Amino acid sequence: MARTDDFRIAPGDGLRYYAPESDRDRHDREGGYVILMLLVVLVLLAMATGQVTVFSY
């Protein structure tokens, strides 16, 4: 049996190919991740030095 556009092995999931993102979009997102990482490190450092109390006994 020949494959045609009507023949599908599995139902379509609705996903389509999107063009690759631009370098500017990727760099903007990477910058956001760097800022988020710095905030997490600062909070962990504050917890380690006792400036922020997470569990009060």
C-alpha atoms as a PDB file:
ATOM      1  CA  MET A   1       0.000   0.000   0.000  1.00  0.00           C
ATOM      2  CA  ALA A   2       1.438   3.379  -0.966  1.00  0.00           C
ATOM      3  CA  ARG A   3       1.806   6.082   1.634  1.00  0.00           C
ATOM      4  CA  THR A   4      -0.340   9.110   1.049  1.00  0.00           C
ATOM      5  CA  ASP A   5      -1.127  12.183   3.074  1.00  0.00           C
ATOM      6  CA  ASP A   6      -4.316  10.509   4.283  1.00  0.00           C
ATOM      7  CA  PHE A   7      -2.411   7.546   5.768  1.00  0.00           C
ATOM      8  CA  ARG A   8      -1.058   8.178   9.237  1.00  0.00           C
ATOM      9  CA  ILE A   9       0.480   5.727  11.660  1.00  0.00           C
ATOM     10  CA  ALA A  10      -0.668   7.718  14.683  1.00  0.00           C
ATOM     11  CA  PRO A  11      -3.077  10.597  15.105  1.00  0.00           C
ATOM     12  CA  GLY A  12      -1.587  14.019  14.726  1.00  0.00           C
ATOM     13  CA  ASP A  13      -0.774  15.877  17.916  1.00  0.00           C
ATOM     14  CA  GLY A  14      -1.206  19.308  16.426  1.00  0.00           C
ATOM     15  CA  LEU A  15       2.466  20.224  16.665  1.00  0.00           C
ATOM     16  CA  ARG A  16       3.971  22.043  13.759  1.00  0.00           C
ATOM     17  CA  TYR A  17       7.468  23.106  12.900  1.00  0.00           C
ATOM     18  CA  TYR A  18       8.293  26.607  14.007  1.00  0.00           C
ATOM     19  CA  ALA A  19      11.220  28.569  12.664  1.00  0.00           C
ATOM     20  CA  PRO A  20      14.269  28.714  14.931  1.00  0.00           C
ATOM     21  CA  GLU A  21      14.259  31.563  17.395  1.00  0.00           C
ATOM     22  CA  SER A  22      16.379  34.585  16.731  1.00  0.00           C
ATOM     23  CA  ASP A  23      19.698  35.129  18.479  1.00  0.00           C
ATOM     24  CA  ARG A  24      18.247  38.149  20.273  1.00  0.00           C
ATOM     25  CA  ASP A  25      15.386  36.116  21.765  1.00  0.00           C
ATOM     26  CA  ARG A  26      17.772  33.400  22.895  1.00  0.00           C
ATOM     27  CA  HIS A  27      20.160  35.899  24.502  1.00  0.00           C
ATOM     28  CA  ASP A  28      17.278  37.643  26.283  1.00  0.00           C
ATOM     29  CA  ARG A  29      16.137  34.351  27.776  1.00  0.00           C
ATOM     30  CA  GLU A  30      19.693  33.396  28.753  1.00  0.00           C
ATOM     31  CA  GLY A  31      20.030  36.737  30.536  1.00  0.00           C
ATOM     32  CA  GLY A  32      16.871  36.001  32.469  1.00  0.00           C
ATOM     33  CA  TYR A  33      18.242  32.631  33.542  1.00  0.00           C
ATOM     34  CA  VAL A  34      21.475  34.263  34.729  1.00  0.00           C
ATOM     35  CA  ILE A  35      19.536  36.764  36.843  1.00  0.00           C
ATOM     36  CA  LEU A  36      17.374  33.984  38.284  1.00  0.00           C
ATOM     37  CA  MET A  37      20.457  31.927  39.110  1.00  0.00           C
ATOM     38  CA  LEU A  38      22.067  34.898  40.889  1.00  0.00           C
ATOM     39  CA  LEU A  39      18.925  35.448  42.974  1.00  0.00           C
ATOM     40  CA  VAL A  40      18.850  31.783  43.982  1.00  0.00           C
ATOM     41  CA  VAL A  41      22.527  31.886  44.944  1.00  0.00           C
ATOM     42  CA  LEU A  42      21.955  35.022  47.030  1.00  0.00           C
ATOM     43  CA  VAL A  43      19.025  33.431  48.871  1.00  0.00           C
ATOM     44  CA  LEU A  44      21.013  30.255  49.515  1.00  0.00           C
ATOM     45  CA  LEU A  45      23.944  32.324  50.779  1.00  0.00           C
ATOM     46  CA  ALA A  46      21.646  34.313  53.077  1.00  0.00           C
ATOM     47  CA  MET A  47      20.203  31.063  54.437  1.00  0.00           C
ATOM     48  CA  ALA A  48      23.672  29.595  54.964  1.00  0.00           C
ATOM     49  CA  THR A  49      24.884  32.629  56.921  1.00  0.00           C
ATOM     50  CA  GLY A  50      21.764  32.764  59.078  1.00  0.00           C
ATOM     51  CA  GLN A  51      20.387  36.035  57.714  1.00  0.00           C
ATOM     52  CA  VAL A  52      17.205  34.293  56.553  1.00  0.00           C
ATOM     53  CA  THR A  53      15.411  31.811  58.776  1.00  0.00           C
ATOM     54  CA  VAL A  54      13.628  29.035  56.942  1.00  0.00           C
ATOM     55  CA  PHE A  55      12.860  26.672  59.827  1.00  0.00           C
ATOM     56  CA  SER A  56      12.334  28.088  63.294  1.00  0.00           C
ATOM     57  CA  TYR A  57      12.726  25.532  66.068  1.00  0.00           C
END
